[in-house]
Amino acid sequence: MTSASRALVRAALVTCFGVLCLLVVPSAAQAHDSLKSSSPAKNAVVTDLKQIELEYSAHVSFPVVIVHDAAGRRYDTGEPRTDGPNVFKNVAPLPNGSYVIAWRVVSSDGHPIQGEIPFTVAGSAVTAPPVAVAATSGAAGQPQEEGQGIPGWIWAIAIVLVALGVAALLGVRTRRTTTDPTDPAEPTDPTDPTEPTEPAGHSSD
């Protein structure tokens, strides 16, 4: 194998190793952010609530926070506000009953995460009607993460690297199967029966 062929083989091996790193390392290193605490806390019982506060493990963006009762009636008001890892949302006066805070944010690694926090209002004298009516879905419980697949840009780079590796291997194979025009011609074997010979008894003048 020539030095050029060996170099192409090394390049193909390095390419394959790079693809493995792109597929394995980011998925292990990029841990999504999580909800650290909330006010009210999960399954808490409160008598009054004017504002929701959610604290995450890192800076988040594009927050969506909804407060609804068992019938789907909403009691949140205004737009959510962010302050670093904290998200705030105002709440309308809440009558006695069970409620759920449904939240969704984009974590610092670019992946969306979401969850629900159930709580109860007891001892309230409020009888005000709900702010809005909206259908919500999802089981109450701890925050649920989604979008844990490898980002599309990593797949794009991986495909390009694999294509380069295949091209390098094909180049090596082509070089090995092609005769080098600079090689000297092989000597003729006089004993080879395929070589033409002069007829017996014939002599040159």
N, C-alpha and C. Protein backbone atom coordinates (compact mmCIF):
# COMPACT_ATOMS: atom_id res chain seq x y z
N MET A 1 0.85 -1.19 0.00
CA MET A 1 0.00 0.00 0.00
C MET A 1 0.89 1.24 0.00
N THR A 2 0.61 2.16 -0.86
CA THR A 2 1.41 3.38 -0.98
C THR A 2 1.14 4.31 0.19
N SER A 3 2.01 5.32 0.33
CA SER A 3 1.81 6.29 1.41
C SER A 3 0.52 7.07 1.25
N ALA A 4 0.15 7.34 -0.01
CA ALA A 4 -1.12 8.06 -0.24
C ALA A 4 -2.31 7.22 0.19
N SER A 5 -2.26 5.91 -0.07
CA SER A 5 -3.35 5.03 0.34
C SER A 5 -3.46 4.95 1.85
N ARG A 6 -2.31 4.84 2.51
CA ARG A 6 -2.32 4.80 3.97
C ARG A 6 -2.90 6.09 4.56
N ALA A 7 -2.57 7.22 3.94
CA ALA A 7 -3.10 8.49 4.42
C ALA A 7 -4.61 8.54 4.27
N LEU A 8 -5.14 8.01 3.17
CA LEU A 8 -6.59 8.00 2.97
C LEU A 8 -7.28 7.09 3.97
N VAL A 9 -6.65 5.96 4.29
CA VAL A 9 -7.23 5.05 5.28
C VAL A 9 -7.28 5.72 6.64
N ARG A 10 -6.20 6.40 7.02
CA ARG A 10 -6.18 7.11 8.30
C ARG A 10 -7.26 8.18 8.34
N ALA A 11 -7.43 8.90 7.21
CA ALA A 11 -8.47 9.94 7.16
C ALA A 11 -9.86 9.34 7.34
N ALA A 12 -10.09 8.17 6.74
CA ALA A 12 -11.40 7.52 6.87
C ALA A 12 -11.65 7.10 8.32
N LEU A 13 -10.60 6.57 8.99
CA LEU A 13 -10.76 6.16 10.38
C LEU A 13 -11.03 7.35 11.29
N VAL A 14 -10.33 8.45 11.04
CA VAL A 14 -10.55 9.66 11.84
C VAL A 14 -11.97 10.18 11.63
N THR A 15 -12.46 10.10 10.39
CA THR A 15 -13.83 10.55 10.09
C THR A 15 -14.85 9.73 10.85
N CYS A 16 -14.68 8.40 10.84
CA CYS A 16 -15.62 7.54 11.56
C CYS A 16 -15.59 7.82 13.06
N PHE A 17 -14.41 8.07 13.61
CA PHE A 17 -14.30 8.38 15.03
C PHE A 17 -15.00 9.69 15.35
N GLY A 18 -14.84 10.68 14.45
CA GLY A 18 -15.52 11.96 14.66
C GLY A 18 -17.02 11.82 14.65
N VAL A 19 -17.55 10.95 13.76
CA VAL A 19 -18.99 10.73 13.72
C VAL A 19 -19.48 10.14 15.03
N LEU A 20 -18.74 9.17 15.57
CA LEU A 20 -19.14 8.57 16.84
C LEU A 20 -19.14 9.59 17.96
N CYS A 21 -18.14 10.47 17.96
CA CYS A 21 -18.09 11.51 18.99
C CYS A 21 -19.29 12.44 18.90
N LEU A 22 -19.68 12.80 17.67
CA LEU A 22 -20.81 13.72 17.50
C LEU A 22 -22.11 13.08 17.95
N LEU A 23 -22.25 11.77 17.77
CA LEU A 23 -23.50 11.12 18.10
C LEU A 23 -23.59 10.75 19.57
N VAL A 24 -22.46 10.43 20.20
CA VAL A 24 -22.48 9.93 21.57
C VAL A 24 -22.26 11.04 22.59
N VAL A 25 -21.22 11.86 22.39
CA VAL A 25 -20.84 12.85 23.40
C VAL A 25 -21.92 13.88 23.65
N PRO A 26 -22.51 14.54 22.60
CA PRO A 26 -23.51 15.57 22.89
C PRO A 26 -24.72 15.04 23.64
N SER A 27 -25.19 13.81 23.26
CA SER A 27 -26.38 13.28 23.92
C SER A 27 -26.12 13.00 25.38
N ALA A 28 -24.85 12.68 25.75
CA ALA A 28 -24.56 12.42 27.16
C ALA A 28 -24.27 13.70 27.93
N ALA A 29 -23.69 14.69 27.24
CA ALA A 29 -23.25 15.90 27.94
C ALA A 29 -24.35 16.94 28.09
N GLN A 30 -25.29 16.98 27.13
CA GLN A 30 -26.29 18.03 27.13
C GLN A 30 -27.49 17.60 27.99
N ALA A 31 -27.38 17.75 29.29
CA ALA A 31 -28.49 17.44 30.18
C ALA A 31 -29.44 18.63 30.22
N HIS A 32 -30.72 18.33 30.10
CA HIS A 32 -31.71 19.41 30.11
C HIS A 32 -31.82 20.02 31.50
N ASP A 33 -32.26 21.28 31.54
CA ASP A 33 -32.52 21.93 32.81
C ASP A 33 -33.76 21.31 33.46
N SER A 34 -33.95 21.62 34.72
CA SER A 34 -35.09 21.05 35.46
C SER A 34 -35.68 22.10 36.39
N LEU A 35 -36.89 21.86 36.81
CA LEU A 35 -37.56 22.74 37.77
C LEU A 35 -37.05 22.43 39.18
N LYS A 36 -36.45 23.43 39.84
CA LYS A 36 -35.90 23.22 41.17
C LYS A 36 -36.95 23.40 42.26
N SER A 37 -37.78 24.43 42.13
CA SER A 37 -38.79 24.69 43.15
C SER A 37 -39.92 25.51 42.55
N SER A 38 -41.02 25.57 43.29
CA SER A 38 -42.17 26.34 42.81
C SER A 38 -42.93 26.89 44.00
N SER A 39 -43.62 27.98 43.76
CA SER A 39 -44.49 28.57 44.77
C SER A 39 -45.83 28.87 44.09
N PRO A 40 -46.87 28.08 44.42
CA PRO A 40 -46.93 27.06 45.46
C PRO A 40 -46.18 25.78 45.06
N ALA A 41 -45.81 24.98 46.05
CA ALA A 41 -45.12 23.72 45.81
C ALA A 41 -46.13 22.65 45.36
N LYS A 42 -45.60 21.56 44.87
CA LYS A 42 -46.46 20.46 44.44
C LYS A 42 -47.31 19.95 45.60
N ASN A 43 -48.62 19.82 45.37
CA ASN A 43 -49.60 19.31 46.34
C ASN A 43 -49.74 20.21 47.57
N ALA A 44 -49.33 21.48 47.45
CA ALA A 44 -49.46 22.40 48.58
C ALA A 44 -50.93 22.81 48.75
N VAL A 45 -51.27 23.21 49.96
CA VAL A 45 -52.60 23.75 50.27
C VAL A 45 -52.42 25.20 50.69
N VAL A 46 -53.05 26.14 49.96
CA VAL A 46 -52.89 27.57 50.23
C VAL A 46 -54.27 28.19 50.43
N THR A 47 -54.27 29.33 51.11
CA THR A 47 -55.53 30.07 51.31
C THR A 47 -55.63 31.26 50.36
N ASP A 48 -54.49 31.68 49.82
CA ASP A 48 -54.48 32.84 48.92
C ASP A 48 -53.29 32.72 47.99
N LEU A 49 -53.47 33.14 46.76
CA LEU A 49 -52.37 33.06 45.79
C LEU A 49 -52.56 34.18 44.77
N LYS A 50 -51.58 35.05 44.67
CA LYS A 50 -51.63 36.15 43.71
C LYS A 50 -50.59 36.01 42.60
N GLN A 51 -49.53 35.26 42.86
CA GLN A 51 -48.47 35.12 41.86
C GLN A 51 -47.81 33.75 41.97
N ILE A 52 -47.49 33.20 40.84
CA ILE A 52 -46.76 31.93 40.77
C ILE A 52 -45.29 32.23 40.51
N GLU A 53 -44.44 31.51 41.19
CA GLU A 53 -43.00 31.64 40.96
C GLU A 53 -42.41 30.25 40.71
N LEU A 54 -41.71 30.11 39.58
CA LEU A 54 -41.04 28.86 39.22
C LEU A 54 -39.55 29.10 39.12
N GLU A 55 -38.75 28.28 39.78
CA GLU A 55 -37.30 28.42 39.74
C GLU A 55 -36.69 27.20 39.06
N TYR A 56 -35.86 27.44 38.04
CA TYR A 56 -35.24 26.37 37.27
C TYR A 56 -33.74 26.29 37.58
N SER A 57 -33.11 25.23 37.10
CA SER A 57 -31.69 25.01 37.38
C SER A 57 -30.78 25.91 36.55
N ALA A 58 -31.32 26.59 35.55
CA ALA A 58 -30.52 27.50 34.71
C ALA A 58 -31.47 28.49 34.05
N HIS A 59 -30.88 29.41 33.30
CA HIS A 59 -31.69 30.42 32.59
C HIS A 59 -32.60 29.75 31.59
N VAL A 60 -33.87 30.16 31.55
CA VAL A 60 -34.85 29.61 30.61
C VAL A 60 -35.45 30.74 29.79
N SER A 61 -36.14 30.37 28.72
CA SER A 61 -36.75 31.37 27.84
C SER A 61 -38.08 30.85 27.31
N PHE A 62 -38.85 31.75 26.69
CA PHE A 62 -40.16 31.45 26.08
C PHE A 62 -41.08 30.69 27.06
N PRO A 63 -41.32 31.25 28.25
CA PRO A 63 -42.15 30.55 29.22
C PRO A 63 -43.64 30.60 28.87
N VAL A 64 -44.32 29.54 29.19
CA VAL A 64 -45.78 29.47 29.11
C VAL A 64 -46.27 28.89 30.43
N VAL A 65 -47.12 29.64 31.13
CA VAL A 65 -47.63 29.20 32.44
C VAL A 65 -49.15 29.37 32.44
N ILE A 66 -49.86 28.30 32.76
CA ILE A 66 -51.32 28.30 32.79
C ILE A 66 -51.79 27.72 34.12
N VAL A 67 -52.78 28.36 34.71
CA VAL A 67 -53.40 27.86 35.94
C VAL A 67 -54.84 27.51 35.61
N HIS A 68 -55.22 26.26 35.84
CA HIS A 68 -56.59 25.86 35.51
C HIS A 68 -57.13 24.93 36.59
N ASP A 69 -58.46 24.87 36.66
CA ASP A 69 -59.10 23.97 37.61
C ASP A 69 -59.44 22.65 36.93
N ALA A 70 -60.15 21.78 37.63
CA ALA A 70 -60.46 20.46 37.09
C ALA A 70 -61.35 20.52 35.85
N ALA A 71 -62.11 21.59 35.70
CA ALA A 71 -62.98 21.74 34.53
C ALA A 71 -62.28 22.41 33.35
N GLY A 72 -61.03 22.81 33.51
CA GLY A 72 -60.30 23.46 32.42
C GLY A 72 -60.42 24.97 32.42
N ARG A 73 -61.07 25.56 33.44
CA ARG A 73 -61.20 27.02 33.50
C ARG A 73 -59.88 27.63 33.96
N ARG A 74 -59.45 28.67 33.25
CA ARG A 74 -58.16 29.30 33.53
C ARG A 74 -58.29 30.47 34.50
N TYR A 75 -57.26 30.62 35.35
CA TYR A 75 -57.24 31.70 36.33
C TYR A 75 -55.95 32.50 36.27
N ASP A 76 -55.10 32.26 35.30
CA ASP A 76 -53.87 33.05 35.17
C ASP A 76 -54.16 34.33 34.40
N THR A 77 -53.39 35.37 34.67
CA THR A 77 -53.58 36.65 34.00
C THR A 77 -52.24 37.21 33.53
N GLY A 78 -52.30 38.00 32.46
CA GLY A 78 -51.09 38.64 31.95
C GLY A 78 -50.12 37.66 31.32
N GLU A 79 -48.93 38.18 31.02
CA GLU A 79 -47.88 37.37 30.41
C GLU A 79 -46.86 36.95 31.46
N PRO A 80 -46.27 35.77 31.29
CA PRO A 80 -45.24 35.36 32.24
C PRO A 80 -43.98 36.22 32.09
N ARG A 81 -43.26 36.38 33.19
CA ARG A 81 -42.04 37.19 33.20
C ARG A 81 -40.86 36.31 33.62
N THR A 82 -39.71 36.55 33.02
CA THR A 82 -38.52 35.78 33.36
C THR A 82 -37.48 36.70 34.00
N ASP A 83 -36.73 36.13 34.93
CA ASP A 83 -35.62 36.82 35.57
C ASP A 83 -34.54 35.76 35.82
N GLY A 84 -33.69 35.57 34.80
CA GLY A 84 -32.68 34.51 34.89
C GLY A 84 -33.34 33.15 34.92
N PRO A 85 -33.12 32.37 35.99
CA PRO A 85 -33.73 31.05 36.08
C PRO A 85 -35.15 31.06 36.65
N ASN A 86 -35.68 32.25 36.97
CA ASN A 86 -37.00 32.36 37.59
C ASN A 86 -38.06 32.83 36.60
N VAL A 87 -39.26 32.29 36.75
CA VAL A 87 -40.41 32.67 35.93
C VAL A 87 -41.56 33.05 36.86
N PHE A 88 -42.23 34.17 36.56
CA PHE A 88 -43.33 34.66 37.39
C PHE A 88 -44.59 34.79 36.53
N LYS A 89 -45.75 34.52 37.16
CA LYS A 89 -47.04 34.66 36.46
C LYS A 89 -48.10 35.06 37.47
N ASN A 90 -48.84 36.12 37.13
CA ASN A 90 -49.91 36.59 38.02
C ASN A 90 -51.11 35.65 37.95
N VAL A 91 -51.87 35.62 39.05
CA VAL A 91 -53.03 34.74 39.15
C VAL A 91 -54.23 35.54 39.63
N ALA A 92 -55.38 35.26 39.03
CA ALA A 92 -56.62 35.91 39.46
C ALA A 92 -57.06 35.29 40.80
N PRO A 93 -57.96 35.96 41.52
CA PRO A 93 -58.46 35.39 42.78
C PRO A 93 -59.02 33.98 42.58
N LEU A 94 -58.62 33.07 43.46
CA LEU A 94 -58.98 31.65 43.30
C LEU A 94 -60.01 31.22 44.34
N PRO A 95 -61.14 30.69 43.90
CA PRO A 95 -62.09 30.09 44.85
C PRO A 95 -61.51 28.78 45.40
N ASN A 96 -62.14 28.25 46.42
CA ASN A 96 -61.70 26.96 46.95
C ASN A 96 -61.80 25.88 45.88
N GLY A 97 -60.82 25.00 45.86
CA GLY A 97 -60.84 23.91 44.89
C GLY A 97 -59.43 23.43 44.54
N SER A 98 -59.39 22.50 43.63
CA SER A 98 -58.12 21.93 43.17
C SER A 98 -57.70 22.59 41.86
N TYR A 99 -56.41 22.84 41.74
CA TYR A 99 -55.87 23.53 40.56
C TYR A 99 -54.58 22.85 40.10
N VAL A 100 -54.19 23.20 38.87
CA VAL A 100 -52.95 22.67 38.30
C VAL A 100 -52.23 23.81 37.60
N ILE A 101 -50.93 23.92 37.88
CA ILE A 101 -50.07 24.85 37.14
C ILE A 101 -49.42 24.06 36.01
N ALA A 102 -49.76 24.39 34.79
CA ALA A 102 -49.13 23.74 33.63
C ALA A 102 -48.09 24.70 33.06
N TRP A 103 -46.84 24.26 33.01
CA TRP A 103 -45.77 25.15 32.54
C TRP A 103 -44.98 24.50 31.41
N ARG A 104 -44.39 25.36 30.62
CA ARG A 104 -43.53 24.92 29.51
C ARG A 104 -42.51 26.02 29.24
N VAL A 105 -41.22 25.66 29.17
CA VAL A 105 -40.15 26.62 28.89
C VAL A 105 -39.14 25.96 27.96
N VAL A 106 -38.26 26.79 27.40
CA VAL A 106 -37.13 26.30 26.62
C VAL A 106 -35.90 26.41 27.51
N SER A 107 -35.25 25.28 27.77
CA SER A 107 -34.11 25.26 28.67
C SER A 107 -32.88 25.87 28.01
N SER A 108 -31.82 26.03 28.78
CA SER A 108 -30.62 26.71 28.29
C SER A 108 -29.92 25.95 27.18
N ASP A 109 -30.20 24.64 27.03
CA ASP A 109 -29.59 23.87 25.95
C ASP A 109 -30.44 23.87 24.68
N GLY A 110 -31.54 24.63 24.70
CA GLY A 110 -32.37 24.77 23.51
C GLY A 110 -33.50 23.77 23.41
N HIS A 111 -33.65 22.87 24.36
CA HIS A 111 -34.72 21.88 24.31
C HIS A 111 -35.90 22.32 25.17
N PRO A 112 -37.12 22.08 24.73
CA PRO A 112 -38.29 22.42 25.54
C PRO A 112 -38.51 21.40 26.64
N ILE A 113 -38.90 21.86 27.80
CA ILE A 113 -39.30 20.99 28.91
C ILE A 113 -40.63 21.48 29.45
N GLN A 114 -41.38 20.59 30.05
CA GLN A 114 -42.70 20.97 30.53
C GLN A 114 -43.09 20.10 31.72
N GLY A 115 -44.10 20.54 32.44
CA GLY A 115 -44.58 19.77 33.57
C GLY A 115 -45.82 20.39 34.17
N GLU A 116 -46.36 19.75 35.20
CA GLU A 116 -47.57 20.22 35.85
C GLU A 116 -47.41 20.12 37.36
N ILE A 117 -47.97 21.11 38.08
CA ILE A 117 -47.86 21.17 39.54
C ILE A 117 -49.27 21.30 40.11
N PRO A 118 -49.79 20.27 40.74
CA PRO A 118 -51.12 20.37 41.36
C PRO A 118 -51.05 21.04 42.73
N PHE A 119 -52.08 21.79 43.07
CA PHE A 119 -52.18 22.39 44.40
C PHE A 119 -53.65 22.63 44.72
N THR A 120 -53.92 22.98 45.96
CA THR A 120 -55.31 23.14 46.42
C THR A 120 -55.46 24.47 47.15
N VAL A 121 -56.60 25.10 46.92
CA VAL A 121 -56.96 26.33 47.65
C VAL A 121 -58.06 25.97 48.64
N ALA A 122 -57.82 26.29 49.91
CA ALA A 122 -58.81 26.00 50.96
C ALA A 122 -58.90 27.21 51.90
N GLY A 123 -60.10 27.50 52.37
CA GLY A 123 -60.30 28.62 53.30
C GLY A 123 -60.41 29.96 52.61
N SER A 124 -60.61 29.97 51.30
CA SER A 124 -60.73 31.23 50.57
C SER A 124 -62.19 31.66 50.51
N ALA A 125 -62.41 32.97 50.60
CA ALA A 125 -63.78 33.52 50.52
C ALA A 125 -64.09 34.03 49.12
N VAL A 126 -63.19 33.76 48.17
CA VAL A 126 -63.35 34.27 46.81
C VAL A 126 -64.43 33.49 46.08
N THR A 127 -65.28 34.21 45.36
CA THR A 127 -66.31 33.58 44.52
C THR A 127 -66.28 34.17 43.12
N ALA A 128 -65.17 34.82 42.77
CA ALA A 128 -65.08 35.48 41.46
C ALA A 128 -65.07 34.45 40.35
N PRO A 129 -65.62 34.79 39.19
CA PRO A 129 -65.62 33.88 38.04
C PRO A 129 -64.21 33.74 37.48
N PRO A 130 -63.94 32.69 36.73
CA PRO A 130 -62.61 32.49 36.15
C PRO A 130 -62.30 33.54 35.10
N VAL A 131 -61.03 33.75 34.87
CA VAL A 131 -60.58 34.72 33.87
C VAL A 131 -60.90 34.25 32.46
N ALA A 132 -60.69 32.98 32.19
CA ALA A 132 -60.89 32.46 30.84
C ALA A 132 -61.16 30.98 30.93
N VAL A 133 -61.63 30.42 29.83
CA VAL A 133 -61.88 28.98 29.75
C VAL A 133 -60.98 28.42 28.68
N ALA A 134 -60.22 27.39 29.04
CA ALA A 134 -59.30 26.80 28.07
C ALA A 134 -59.15 25.33 28.37
N ALA A 135 -59.06 24.53 27.33
CA ALA A 135 -58.85 23.10 27.51
C ALA A 135 -57.37 22.84 27.66
N THR A 136 -57.02 22.07 28.68
CA THR A 136 -55.63 21.71 28.90
C THR A 136 -55.54 20.20 29.02
N SER A 137 -54.36 19.68 28.79
CA SER A 137 -54.17 18.24 28.83
C SER A 137 -52.87 17.93 29.53
N GLY A 138 -52.71 16.62 29.87
CA GLY A 138 -51.48 16.18 30.52
C GLY A 138 -51.75 15.72 31.92
N ALA A 139 -51.06 14.71 32.34
CA ALA A 139 -51.26 14.17 33.67
C ALA A 139 -50.52 15.01 34.69
N ALA A 140 -51.14 15.20 35.84
CA ALA A 140 -50.50 15.98 36.89
C ALA A 140 -49.35 15.18 37.48
N GLY A 141 -48.31 15.87 37.87
CA GLY A 141 -47.16 15.20 38.46
C GLY A 141 -45.92 16.02 38.30
N GLN A 142 -44.78 15.35 38.39
CA GLN A 142 -43.52 16.02 38.26
C GLN A 142 -43.32 16.49 36.82
N PRO A 143 -42.44 17.49 36.61
CA PRO A 143 -42.17 17.97 35.26
C PRO A 143 -41.74 16.84 34.35
N GLN A 144 -42.22 16.88 33.12
CA GLN A 144 -41.87 15.88 32.12
C GLN A 144 -41.07 16.55 31.04
N GLU A 145 -39.95 15.94 30.68
CA GLU A 145 -39.08 16.51 29.65
C GLU A 145 -39.42 15.90 28.30
N GLU A 146 -39.19 16.65 27.26
CA GLU A 146 -39.40 16.15 25.91
C GLU A 146 -38.33 16.73 25.02
N GLY A 147 -38.30 16.23 23.77
CA GLY A 147 -37.31 16.72 22.80
C GLY A 147 -35.90 16.31 23.15
N GLN A 148 -35.69 15.01 23.60
CA GLN A 148 -34.38 14.58 24.04
C GLN A 148 -33.54 13.99 22.91
N GLY A 149 -34.04 13.98 21.68
CA GLY A 149 -33.25 13.47 20.57
C GLY A 149 -32.06 14.34 20.24
N ILE A 150 -31.17 13.77 19.41
CA ILE A 150 -30.00 14.54 18.98
C ILE A 150 -30.45 15.64 18.03
N PRO A 151 -30.00 16.89 18.23
CA PRO A 151 -30.39 18.00 17.34
C PRO A 151 -30.09 17.72 15.88
N GLY A 152 -30.91 18.32 15.00
CA GLY A 152 -30.78 18.06 13.57
C GLY A 152 -29.43 18.46 13.00
N TRP A 153 -28.81 19.53 13.54
CA TRP A 153 -27.53 19.97 12.98
C TRP A 153 -26.44 18.95 13.22
N ILE A 154 -26.53 18.18 14.31
CA ILE A 154 -25.54 17.14 14.56
C ILE A 154 -25.69 16.02 13.54
N TRP A 155 -26.95 15.65 13.22
CA TRP A 155 -27.16 14.62 12.21
C TRP A 155 -26.63 15.07 10.85
N ALA A 156 -26.83 16.35 10.52
CA ALA A 156 -26.35 16.86 9.23
C ALA A 156 -24.83 16.75 9.12
N ILE A 157 -24.13 17.15 10.19
CA ILE A 157 -22.66 17.06 10.18
C ILE A 157 -22.23 15.60 10.11
N ALA A 158 -22.93 14.72 10.84
CA ALA A 158 -22.58 13.31 10.83
C ALA A 158 -22.71 12.71 9.43
N ILE A 159 -23.78 13.08 8.72
CA ILE A 159 -23.99 12.55 7.37
C ILE A 159 -22.87 13.00 6.44
N VAL A 160 -22.48 14.29 6.56
CA VAL A 160 -21.39 14.79 5.71
C VAL A 160 -20.09 14.06 6.00
N LEU A 161 -19.79 13.84 7.29
CA LEU A 161 -18.55 13.15 7.64
C LEU A 161 -18.56 11.71 7.16
N VAL A 162 -19.68 11.04 7.28
CA VAL A 162 -19.77 9.67 6.80
C VAL A 162 -19.56 9.61 5.29
N ALA A 163 -20.16 10.58 4.57
CA ALA A 163 -19.98 10.62 3.12
C ALA A 163 -18.51 10.82 2.76
N LEU A 164 -17.82 11.69 3.49
CA LEU A 164 -16.39 11.90 3.24
C LEU A 164 -15.59 10.64 3.53
N GLY A 165 -15.94 9.93 4.59
CA GLY A 165 -15.25 8.69 4.91
C GLY A 165 -15.43 7.63 3.85
N VAL A 166 -16.67 7.49 3.35
CA VAL A 166 -16.93 6.52 2.28
C VAL A 166 -16.15 6.88 1.02
N ALA A 167 -16.14 8.18 0.69
CA ALA A 167 -15.40 8.61 -0.50
C ALA A 167 -13.91 8.30 -0.36
N ALA A 168 -13.36 8.48 0.86
CA ALA A 168 -11.94 8.19 1.07
C ALA A 168 -11.66 6.71 0.91
N LEU A 169 -12.54 5.84 1.44
CA LEU A 169 -12.33 4.40 1.30
C LEU A 169 -12.44 3.96 -0.15
N LEU A 170 -13.40 4.54 -0.90
CA LEU A 170 -13.52 4.20 -2.32
C LEU A 170 -12.29 4.64 -3.08
N GLY A 171 -11.72 5.79 -2.70
CA GLY A 171 -10.51 6.25 -3.36
C GLY A 171 -9.36 5.29 -3.14
N VAL A 172 -9.23 4.75 -1.91
CA VAL A 172 -8.17 3.78 -1.63
C VAL A 172 -8.36 2.52 -2.46
N ARG A 173 -9.61 2.02 -2.54
CA ARG A 173 -9.86 0.81 -3.30
C ARG A 173 -9.55 1.01 -4.77
N THR A 174 -9.90 2.19 -5.30
CA THR A 174 -9.63 2.47 -6.72
C THR A 174 -8.14 2.51 -6.98
N ARG A 175 -7.39 3.11 -6.07
CA ARG A 175 -5.93 3.18 -6.25
C ARG A 175 -5.32 1.78 -6.24
N ARG A 176 -5.83 0.90 -5.39
CA ARG A 176 -5.24 -0.43 -5.27
C ARG A 176 -5.55 -1.29 -6.48
N THR A 177 -6.67 -1.04 -7.16
CA THR A 177 -7.05 -1.87 -8.31
C THR A 177 -6.58 -1.29 -9.63
N THR A 178 -5.99 -0.11 -9.62
CA THR A 178 -5.52 0.52 -10.85
C THR A 178 -4.02 0.31 -10.98
N THR A 179 -3.56 -0.12 -12.16
CA THR A 179 -2.14 -0.36 -12.40
C THR A 179 -1.41 0.96 -12.50
N ASP A 180 -0.28 1.05 -11.83
CA ASP A 180 0.53 2.26 -11.88
C ASP A 180 1.25 2.31 -13.21
N PRO A 181 1.00 3.34 -14.05
CA PRO A 181 1.64 3.40 -15.38
C PRO A 181 3.14 3.60 -15.31
N THR A 182 3.66 3.96 -14.16
CA THR A 182 5.11 4.18 -14.06
C THR A 182 5.86 2.90 -13.75
N ASP A 183 5.11 1.80 -13.41
CA ASP A 183 5.80 0.55 -13.11
C ASP A 183 6.41 -0.02 -14.38
N PRO A 184 7.65 -0.58 -14.32
CA PRO A 184 8.27 -1.19 -15.50
C PRO A 184 7.51 -2.42 -15.94
N ALA A 185 7.54 -2.70 -17.23
CA ALA A 185 6.84 -3.86 -17.77
C ALA A 185 7.50 -5.14 -17.27
N GLU A 186 6.69 -6.16 -17.04
CA GLU A 186 7.23 -7.42 -16.56
C GLU A 186 8.02 -8.10 -17.68
N PRO A 187 9.16 -8.75 -17.32
CA PRO A 187 9.95 -9.43 -18.36
C PRO A 187 9.20 -10.61 -18.94
N THR A 188 9.50 -10.91 -20.17
CA THR A 188 8.84 -12.02 -20.86
C THR A 188 9.48 -13.33 -20.47
N ASP A 189 8.64 -14.28 -20.10
CA ASP A 189 9.14 -15.60 -19.70
C ASP A 189 9.28 -16.45 -20.95
N PRO A 190 10.53 -16.84 -21.32
CA PRO A 190 10.71 -17.62 -22.55
C PRO A 190 10.06 -18.99 -22.47
N THR A 191 9.80 -19.47 -21.27
CA THR A 191 9.20 -20.80 -21.14
C THR A 191 7.69 -20.77 -21.16
N ASP A 192 7.12 -19.54 -21.19
CA ASP A 192 5.65 -19.40 -21.18
C ASP A 192 5.11 -19.89 -22.50
N PRO A 193 4.23 -20.91 -22.50
CA PRO A 193 3.70 -21.45 -23.78
C PRO A 193 2.84 -20.45 -24.53
N THR A 194 2.42 -19.41 -23.86
CA THR A 194 1.59 -18.43 -24.57
C THR A 194 2.42 -17.48 -25.40
N GLU A 195 3.77 -17.44 -25.15
CA GLU A 195 4.63 -16.55 -25.93
C GLU A 195 4.84 -17.13 -27.32
N PRO A 196 4.81 -16.28 -28.35
CA PRO A 196 5.03 -16.79 -29.73
C PRO A 196 6.46 -17.29 -29.90
N THR A 197 6.62 -18.40 -30.58
CA THR A 197 7.94 -18.98 -30.86
C THR A 197 8.09 -19.18 -32.37
N GLU A 198 9.34 -19.23 -32.79
CA GLU A 198 9.59 -19.44 -34.21
C GLU A 198 9.32 -20.88 -34.58
N PRO A 199 8.82 -21.15 -35.76
CA PRO A 199 8.54 -22.53 -36.18
C PRO A 199 9.84 -23.37 -36.16
N ALA A 200 9.69 -24.65 -35.83
CA ALA A 200 10.83 -25.55 -35.76
C ALA A 200 11.47 -25.68 -37.15
N GLY A 201 12.79 -25.72 -37.17
CA GLY A 201 13.49 -25.89 -38.43
C GLY A 201 13.67 -24.63 -39.21
N HIS A 202 13.13 -23.52 -38.72
CA HIS A 202 13.25 -22.26 -39.43
C HIS A 202 14.48 -21.53 -38.94
N SER A 203 15.26 -21.10 -39.82
CA SER A 203 16.48 -20.34 -39.47
C SER A 203 16.49 -19.05 -40.22
N SER A 204 17.05 -18.10 -39.60
CA SER A 204 17.11 -16.79 -40.24
C SER A 204 18.24 -16.75 -41.21
N ASP A 205 18.11 -15.99 -42.22
CA ASP A 205 19.16 -15.85 -43.22
C ASP A 205 20.33 -15.11 -42.67
